[in-house]
Amino acid sequence: TRRSSVMAALALGLPVITTAGAFTEPLWRESEGVLLTELHGGKLAAATLALLRGDDERARLAARGASLYRSCFALE
């Protein structure tokens, strides 16, 4: 599954937007802990702009991401 900077962002409670592809594990879609988008057709840019404008959704995404990190990836 995804590592490094994504794990750091989730652990710190920061909202994460990333692309989904053929090898994206179901965990990422099912948990809704990150915002998944396609890389094609400007969808990543559009999703990023929408999230930047939506304070409430950004906060919800950050909270879901932090919860996902604690439940699936935290070492404790």
C-alpha atoms as a PDB file:
ATOM      1  CA  THR A   1       0.000   0.000   0.000  1.00  0.00           C
ATOM      2  CA  ARG A   2       1.062   3.639  -0.185  1.00  0.00           C
ATOM      3  CA  ARG A   3       3.911   4.743   2.057  1.00  0.00           C
ATOM      4  CA  SER A   4       6.251   7.615   2.923  1.00  0.00           C
ATOM      5  CA  SER A   5       4.793  11.083   2.524  1.00  0.00           C
ATOM      6  CA  VAL A   6       1.213   9.813   2.349  1.00  0.00           C
ATOM      7  CA  MET A   7       1.606   8.069   5.694  1.00  0.00           C
ATOM      8  CA  ALA A   8       3.102  11.224   7.202  1.00  0.00           C
ATOM      9  CA  ALA A   9       0.220  13.347   5.953  1.00  0.00           C
ATOM     10  CA  LEU A  10      -2.382  10.906   7.267  1.00  0.00           C
ATOM     11  CA  ALA A  11      -0.631  10.623  10.634  1.00  0.00           C
ATOM     12  CA  LEU A  12      -0.580  14.420  10.938  1.00  0.00           C
ATOM     13  CA  GLY A  13      -4.272  14.724  10.057  1.00  0.00           C
ATOM     14  CA  LEU A  14      -3.723  16.429   6.716  1.00  0.00           C
ATOM     15  CA  PRO A  15      -6.134  15.861   3.821  1.00  0.00           C
ATOM     16  CA  VAL A  16      -4.706  13.714   1.032  1.00  0.00           C
ATOM     17  CA  ILE A  17      -5.628  13.676  -2.656  1.00  0.00           C
ATOM     18  CA  THR A  18      -4.079  11.004  -4.835  1.00  0.00           C
ATOM     19  CA  THR A  19      -4.734   9.163  -8.059  1.00  0.00           C
ATOM     20  CA  ALA A  20      -6.298   5.729  -8.336  1.00  0.00           C
ATOM     21  CA  GLY A  21      -5.234   3.127 -10.831  1.00  0.00           C
ATOM     22  CA  ALA A  22      -5.382  -0.549 -11.612  1.00  0.00           C
ATOM     23  CA  PHE A  23      -3.169  -1.450  -8.665  1.00  0.00           C
ATOM     24  CA  THR A  24      -4.862   0.730  -6.041  1.00  0.00           C
ATOM     25  CA  GLU A  25      -5.838  -1.471  -3.113  1.00  0.00           C
ATOM     26  CA  PRO A  26      -9.539  -1.604  -2.161  1.00  0.00           C
ATOM     27  CA  LEU A  27      -8.682  -0.220   1.294  1.00  0.00           C
ATOM     28  CA  TRP A  28      -8.244   3.263  -0.159  1.00  0.00           C
ATOM     29  CA  ARG A  29     -11.669   3.334  -1.812  1.00  0.00           C
ATOM     30  CA  GLU A  30     -13.499   1.634   1.033  1.00  0.00           C
ATOM     31  CA  SER A  31     -12.047   3.765   3.829  1.00  0.00           C
ATOM     32  CA  GLU A  32     -12.614   7.136   2.150  1.00  0.00           C
ATOM     33  CA  GLY A  33      -9.531   8.254   4.100  1.00  0.00           C
ATOM     34  CA  VAL A  34      -8.059   9.876   1.000  1.00  0.00           C
ATOM     35  CA  LEU A  35      -9.660  11.566  -1.965  1.00  0.00           C
ATOM     36  CA  LEU A  36      -9.044   9.359  -4.990  1.00  0.00           C
ATOM     37  CA  THR A  37      -9.270  10.728  -8.492  1.00  0.00           C
ATOM     38  CA  GLU A  38      -8.203   9.887 -11.999  1.00  0.00           C
ATOM     39  CA  LEU A  39      -5.074  11.428 -13.412  1.00  0.00           C
ATOM     40  CA  HIS A  40      -6.659  12.014 -16.814  1.00  0.00           C
ATOM     41  CA  GLY A  41      -8.604  14.981 -18.076  1.00  0.00           C
ATOM     42  CA  GLY A  42      -7.759  17.479 -15.381  1.00  0.00           C
ATOM     43  CA  LYS A  43      -9.700  15.560 -12.733  1.00  0.00           C
ATOM     44  CA  LEU A  44      -6.864  15.725 -10.208  1.00  0.00           C
ATOM     45  CA  ALA A  45      -6.611  19.500 -10.600  1.00  0.00           C
ATOM     46  CA  ALA A  46     -10.389  19.948 -10.387  1.00  0.00           C
ATOM     47  CA  ALA A  47     -10.633  17.794  -7.247  1.00  0.00           C
ATOM     48  CA  THR A  48      -7.776  19.724  -5.643  1.00  0.00           C
ATOM     49  CA  LEU A  49      -9.401  23.083  -6.361  1.00  0.00           C
ATOM     50  CA  ALA A  50     -12.751  21.868  -5.025  1.00  0.00           C
ATOM     51  CA  LEU A  51     -11.113  20.652  -1.828  1.00  0.00           C
ATOM     52  CA  LEU A  52      -9.230  23.919  -1.388  1.00  0.00           C
ATOM     53  CA  ARG A  53     -12.545  25.779  -1.566  1.00  0.00           C
ATOM     54  CA  GLY A  54     -14.396  23.423   0.783  1.00  0.00           C
ATOM     55  CA  ASP A  55     -13.246  23.945   4.363  1.00  0.00           C
ATOM     56  CA  ASP A  56     -15.788  21.498   5.816  1.00  0.00           C
ATOM     57  CA  GLU A  57     -15.005  18.717   3.350  1.00  0.00           C
ATOM     58  CA  ARG A  58     -11.286  19.278   3.800  1.00  0.00           C
ATOM     59  CA  ALA A  59     -11.687  18.893   7.576  1.00  0.00           C
ATOM     60  CA  ARG A  60     -13.809  15.736   7.163  1.00  0.00           C
ATOM     61  CA  LEU A  61     -11.262  14.205   4.796  1.00  0.00           C
ATOM     62  CA  ALA A  62      -8.425  15.025   7.188  1.00  0.00           C
ATOM     63  CA  ALA A  63     -10.306  13.405  10.098  1.00  0.00           C
ATOM     64  CA  ARG A  64     -11.104  10.263   8.088  1.00  0.00           C
ATOM     65  CA  GLY A  65      -7.473  10.038   6.994  1.00  0.00           C
ATOM     66  CA  ALA A  66      -6.174  10.340  10.555  1.00  0.00           C
ATOM     67  CA  SER A  67      -8.632   7.667  11.688  1.00  0.00           C
ATOM     68  CA  LEU A  68      -7.528   5.389   8.856  1.00  0.00           C
ATOM     69  CA  TYR A  69      -3.909   5.860   9.846  1.00  0.00           C
ATOM     70  CA  ARG A  70      -4.575   5.040  13.498  1.00  0.00           C
ATOM     71  CA  SER A  71      -6.648   1.968  12.707  1.00  0.00           C
ATOM     72  CA  CYS A  72      -4.514   0.447   9.930  1.00  0.00           C
ATOM     73  CA  PHE A  73      -0.984   1.820   9.929  1.00  0.00           C
ATOM     74  CA  ALA A  74       0.068   3.227  13.319  1.00  0.00           C
ATOM     75  CA  LEU A  75       2.742   1.136  14.994  1.00  0.00           C
ATOM     76  CA  GLU A  76       1.256   1.330  18.451  1.00  0.00           C
END
